[in-house]
Amino acid sequence: MASEQTKTIIAASLRTLAQLVPIAGGAAAQAWSEFDSIQRNARIEEFFAQVNARLHALETDSATIKDRIERMPDFPRLLEDTVDAVRRESDDRKRLVYPTFFVNLILQSPTLPPDERSFLLETLDTLTEHDLAILRQFQQGGWSRGDILTNTSQGDWAPVGVQNPLNDKYEKLLAPVMVSTAKLEARGIILPVPNRHGFSFAGTGGEWYDIYRQRTWKLMPVGRDLLSTLYPNATNVA
């Protein structure tokens, strides 16, 4: 749960949302009326400013937005936890996705159960900007492979009996992506599937880097939902 400091920050920033009544301000203000202290925070204020702008852009759908917020019993908790995540996020690029994500949680709430909404927020909180970049590579086709994700789809050849040059090279190229795919796989965002596509081995074949490079993953339904809340205007095929 969010800290008391975060709660006071939310209360201060709700003055922005209050301008949107009856779109969201009323529901949010009622949910957080018990917090009276005012404390400015640049990250939180920027988040609410972006949410404000996005909701204003949807002003023609204000009745629908208001109805969906009122039908979200978890809205106060999602607001609190999202703001807390924004406050803690030090990566400027990743922090930019939160306003879009939060607004889309509201817009897509009829098809996203409360438990999944919480899971998506928790998952986003644990992923880095690099993890999100790897995830986005699954957006168009709904699948990918280790050599594609690491941009090593062309195989290399090492001198006969000499493996260290390729070991060193592939440790640097593969290690960050291996961490990201492990995190995505652990959360069920992507899952391994049989490799039914052409693959080019490096070295003599069968080395650890080739085992990873030929691994293939498919984007799972919860992964599609996460992508649709983060990047709603992009095509997603699975």
Protein backbone atom coordinates (compact mmCIF):
# COMPACT_ATOMS: atom_id res chain seq x y z
CA MET A 1 0.00 0.00 0.00
CA ALA A 2 1.07 3.58 -0.53
CA SER A 3 2.77 5.57 2.18
CA GLU A 4 1.18 8.47 4.03
CA GLN A 5 3.42 10.80 2.04
CA THR A 6 2.01 9.43 -1.21
CA LYS A 7 -1.54 9.85 0.07
CA THR A 8 -0.99 13.51 0.84
CA ILE A 9 0.53 14.02 -2.60
CA ILE A 10 -2.54 12.44 -4.18
CA ALA A 11 -4.80 14.73 -2.22
CA ALA A 12 -2.90 17.76 -3.47
CA SER A 13 -2.92 16.59 -7.08
CA LEU A 14 -6.64 15.83 -7.09
CA ARG A 15 -7.27 19.52 -7.62
CA THR A 16 -6.32 18.81 -11.25
CA LEU A 17 -8.77 15.95 -11.57
CA ALA A 18 -11.44 17.96 -9.80
CA GLN A 19 -11.54 20.23 -12.84
CA LEU A 20 -12.85 17.29 -14.84
CA VAL A 21 -16.06 16.82 -12.88
CA PRO A 22 -18.20 14.92 -13.74
CA ILE A 23 -15.70 12.90 -15.77
CA ALA A 24 -13.43 11.72 -12.97
CA GLY A 25 -12.92 14.46 -10.40
CA GLY A 26 -16.00 13.68 -8.35
CA ALA A 27 -15.27 9.98 -8.00
CA ALA A 28 -11.61 10.56 -7.22
CA ALA A 29 -12.24 13.41 -4.78
CA GLN A 30 -14.80 11.38 -2.88
CA ALA A 31 -12.39 8.44 -2.68
CA TRP A 32 -9.65 10.62 -1.22
CA SER A 33 -11.56 13.29 0.70
CA GLU A 34 -10.02 12.15 3.99
CA PHE A 35 -6.61 13.43 2.96
CA ASP A 36 -6.34 17.15 3.67
CA SER A 37 -2.60 17.80 3.67
CA ILE A 38 -1.07 19.41 0.58
CA GLN A 39 2.43 18.51 -0.60
CA ARG A 40 3.80 19.24 -4.04
CA ASN A 41 5.70 16.62 -5.98
CA ALA A 42 6.87 17.15 -9.56
CA ARG A 43 6.43 13.54 -10.68
CA ILE A 44 2.93 13.26 -9.31
CA GLU A 45 1.83 16.62 -10.64
CA GLU A 46 3.11 15.71 -14.08
CA PHE A 47 1.21 12.42 -13.93
CA PHE A 48 -2.06 14.16 -13.06
CA ALA A 49 -1.46 16.82 -15.70
CA GLN A 50 -1.08 14.12 -18.35
CA VAL A 51 -4.14 12.23 -17.09
CA ASN A 52 -6.02 15.51 -17.15
CA ALA A 53 -5.01 16.15 -20.76
CA ARG A 54 -5.97 12.65 -21.86
CA LEU A 55 -9.36 12.81 -20.19
CA HIS A 56 -10.04 16.23 -21.68
CA ALA A 57 -9.24 14.78 -25.10
CA LEU A 58 -12.00 12.23 -24.45
CA GLU A 59 -14.50 14.85 -23.30
CA THR A 60 -17.15 13.66 -25.77
CA ASP A 61 -17.16 10.33 -23.93
CA SER A 62 -17.40 11.86 -20.47
CA ALA A 63 -20.58 10.01 -19.53
CA THR A 64 -19.00 6.69 -20.48
CA ILE A 65 -15.82 7.45 -18.55
CA LYS A 66 -17.79 8.52 -15.48
CA ASP A 67 -19.89 5.35 -15.66
CA ARG A 68 -16.82 3.14 -15.93
CA ILE A 69 -15.12 4.78 -12.97
CA GLU A 70 -18.26 4.34 -10.88
CA ARG A 71 -18.31 0.66 -11.82
CA MET A 72 -14.71 0.16 -10.69
CA PRO A 73 -14.77 -0.65 -6.96
CA ASP A 74 -10.99 -0.90 -7.13
CA PHE A 75 -10.57 2.60 -8.60
CA PRO A 76 -9.37 4.27 -5.35
CA ARG A 77 -6.79 1.54 -4.76
CA LEU A 78 -5.61 1.60 -8.38
CA LEU A 79 -5.25 5.37 -8.20
CA GLU A 80 -3.26 5.16 -4.98
CA ASP A 81 -0.99 2.36 -6.19
CA THR A 82 -0.43 3.99 -9.59
CA VAL A 83 0.54 7.30 -8.03
CA ASP A 84 2.84 5.51 -5.61
CA ALA A 85 4.52 3.73 -8.54
CA VAL A 86 4.93 7.03 -10.39
CA ARG A 87 6.43 8.67 -7.31
CA ARG A 88 9.01 5.88 -6.99
CA GLU A 89 9.85 5.56 -10.70
CA SER A 90 13.20 7.22 -11.43
CA ASP A 91 13.28 6.45 -15.17
CA ASP A 92 11.85 9.48 -16.97
CA ARG A 93 10.99 7.49 -20.11
CA LYS A 94 9.15 4.74 -18.28
CA ARG A 95 7.26 7.24 -16.13
CA LEU A 96 5.72 8.67 -19.30
CA VAL A 97 3.70 5.48 -19.90
CA TYR A 98 1.77 5.67 -16.63
CA PRO A 99 -0.83 8.31 -17.64
CA THR A 100 -1.72 6.36 -20.80
CA PHE A 101 -1.77 3.12 -18.85
CA PHE A 102 -4.04 4.49 -16.11
CA VAL A 103 -6.55 6.07 -18.49
CA ASN A 104 -6.69 2.87 -20.54
CA LEU A 105 -7.29 0.82 -17.40
CA ILE A 106 -10.45 2.90 -17.00
CA LEU A 107 -11.45 2.70 -20.67
CA GLN A 108 -10.86 -1.06 -20.86
CA SER A 109 -12.25 -1.85 -17.41
CA PRO A 110 -15.34 -3.70 -18.76
CA THR A 111 -13.05 -6.35 -20.28
CA LEU A 112 -10.34 -6.37 -17.59
CA PRO A 113 -11.34 -8.01 -14.29
CA PRO A 114 -10.19 -6.22 -11.11
CA ASP A 115 -7.58 -8.90 -10.35
CA GLU A 116 -6.06 -8.49 -13.80
CA ARG A 117 -6.02 -4.71 -13.48
CA SER A 118 -4.02 -5.08 -10.28
CA PHE A 119 -1.73 -7.63 -11.89
CA LEU A 120 -1.04 -5.38 -14.87
CA LEU A 121 -0.16 -2.46 -12.61
CA GLU A 122 2.08 -4.62 -10.44
CA THR A 123 3.76 -6.04 -13.54
CA LEU A 124 4.37 -2.61 -15.03
CA ASP A 125 5.91 -1.51 -11.74
CA THR A 126 8.43 -4.37 -11.86
CA LEU A 127 9.48 -3.94 -15.49
CA THR A 128 12.21 -1.60 -16.69
CA GLU A 129 12.21 0.53 -19.81
CA HIS A 130 14.41 -2.14 -21.43
CA ASP A 131 11.92 -4.87 -20.48
CA LEU A 132 9.12 -2.85 -22.09
CA ALA A 133 11.18 -2.39 -25.25
CA ILE A 134 11.65 -6.16 -25.48
CA LEU A 135 7.94 -6.73 -24.84
CA ARG A 136 7.00 -4.31 -27.59
CA GLN A 137 8.89 -6.44 -30.11
CA PHE A 138 6.11 -9.03 -29.67
CA GLN A 139 3.44 -6.53 -30.63
CA GLN A 140 3.25 -7.01 -34.37
CA GLY A 141 3.51 -10.76 -34.81
CA GLY A 142 2.68 -12.06 -31.35
CA TRP A 143 5.87 -14.14 -31.15
CA SER A 144 9.65 -13.74 -31.27
CA ARG A 145 12.89 -15.66 -30.90
CA GLY A 146 16.13 -15.11 -29.03
CA ASP A 147 18.21 -14.29 -32.08
CA ILE A 148 15.60 -11.81 -33.31
CA LEU A 149 15.26 -10.09 -29.94
CA THR A 150 19.04 -9.78 -29.64
CA ASN A 151 19.55 -8.75 -33.27
CA THR A 152 21.87 -11.71 -33.87
CA SER A 153 19.82 -13.47 -36.53
CA GLN A 154 22.93 -13.89 -38.70
CA GLY A 155 25.11 -16.70 -37.36
CA ASP A 156 28.82 -16.18 -36.61
CA TRP A 157 31.70 -18.57 -37.10
CA ALA A 158 34.55 -18.91 -34.61
CA PRO A 159 37.99 -20.37 -35.39
CA VAL A 160 38.01 -24.15 -35.03
CA GLY A 161 38.41 -25.13 -31.39
CA VAL A 162 38.21 -21.54 -30.16
CA GLN A 163 35.01 -20.57 -28.37
CA ASN A 164 36.05 -17.67 -26.15
CA PRO A 165 35.65 -14.95 -28.82
CA LEU A 166 32.01 -15.88 -29.35
CA ASN A 167 31.40 -16.48 -25.65
CA ASP A 168 32.54 -12.96 -24.81
CA LYS A 169 30.61 -11.43 -27.69
CA TYR A 170 27.34 -13.18 -26.94
CA GLU A 171 27.55 -12.63 -23.19
CA LYS A 172 27.47 -8.88 -23.87
CA LEU A 173 24.75 -9.07 -26.52
CA LEU A 174 22.45 -11.61 -24.91
CA ALA A 175 22.72 -10.98 -21.16
CA PRO A 176 20.37 -7.93 -20.93
CA VAL A 177 17.73 -9.54 -23.14
CA MET A 178 17.98 -12.84 -21.25
CA VAL A 179 17.09 -10.98 -18.05
CA SER A 180 14.13 -9.25 -19.71
CA THR A 181 12.67 -12.39 -21.27
CA ALA A 182 13.10 -14.25 -17.97
CA LYS A 183 11.08 -11.53 -16.19
CA LEU A 184 8.37 -11.53 -18.85
CA GLU A 185 8.20 -15.31 -18.86
CA ALA A 186 8.01 -15.51 -15.07
CA ARG A 187 4.89 -13.34 -15.13
CA GLY A 188 3.18 -15.27 -17.89
CA ILE A 189 3.45 -12.34 -20.31
CA ILE A 190 5.27 -14.56 -22.80
CA LEU A 191 5.65 -18.33 -22.76
CA PRO A 192 8.00 -20.70 -24.66
CA VAL A 193 6.66 -22.46 -27.74
CA PRO A 194 8.31 -24.85 -30.26
CA ASN A 195 10.60 -23.17 -32.77
CA ARG A 196 9.04 -23.67 -36.20
CA HIS A 197 11.03 -21.01 -37.98
CA GLY A 198 14.43 -20.97 -39.67
CA PHE A 199 17.41 -20.49 -37.38
CA SER A 200 21.12 -19.94 -38.02
CA PHE A 201 23.57 -21.41 -35.50
CA ALA A 202 26.76 -19.66 -34.42
CA GLY A 203 30.07 -21.41 -33.85
CA THR A 204 29.76 -25.18 -34.05
CA GLY A 205 26.13 -25.24 -32.90
CA GLY A 206 24.67 -26.29 -29.56
CA GLU A 207 26.50 -23.74 -27.42
CA TRP A 208 24.68 -21.94 -24.60
CA TYR A 209 24.15 -18.84 -26.74
CA ASP A 210 22.57 -20.90 -29.52
CA ILE A 211 20.29 -22.62 -27.01
CA TYR A 212 19.00 -19.20 -26.02
CA ARG A 213 19.00 -17.70 -29.51
CA GLN A 214 16.76 -20.44 -30.88
CA ARG A 215 14.28 -20.24 -27.99
CA THR A 216 10.90 -19.01 -29.17
CA TRP A 217 8.14 -17.28 -27.18
CA LYS A 218 4.51 -16.46 -27.83
CA LEU A 219 2.70 -13.45 -26.43
CA MET A 220 0.05 -14.58 -23.95
CA PRO A 221 -3.41 -12.96 -23.49
CA VAL A 222 -2.31 -11.02 -20.40
CA GLY A 223 0.64 -9.76 -22.45
CA ARG A 224 -1.72 -8.51 -25.13
CA ASP A 225 -3.74 -6.74 -22.46
CA LEU A 226 -0.62 -5.10 -21.05
CA LEU A 227 0.45 -3.90 -24.49
CA SER A 228 -3.03 -2.58 -25.27
CA THR A 229 -3.04 -0.46 -22.11
CA LEU A 230 0.46 0.86 -22.74
CA TYR A 231 0.39 1.40 -26.51
CA PRO A 232 -3.29 1.44 -27.56
CA ASN A 233 -2.72 2.91 -31.00
CA ALA A 234 -0.33 0.23 -32.23
CA THR A 235 -1.34 -2.95 -34.02
CA ASN A 236 -1.22 -6.06 -31.90
CA VAL A 237 -1.38 -9.44 -33.60
CA ALA A 238 -1.21 -12.72 -31.68
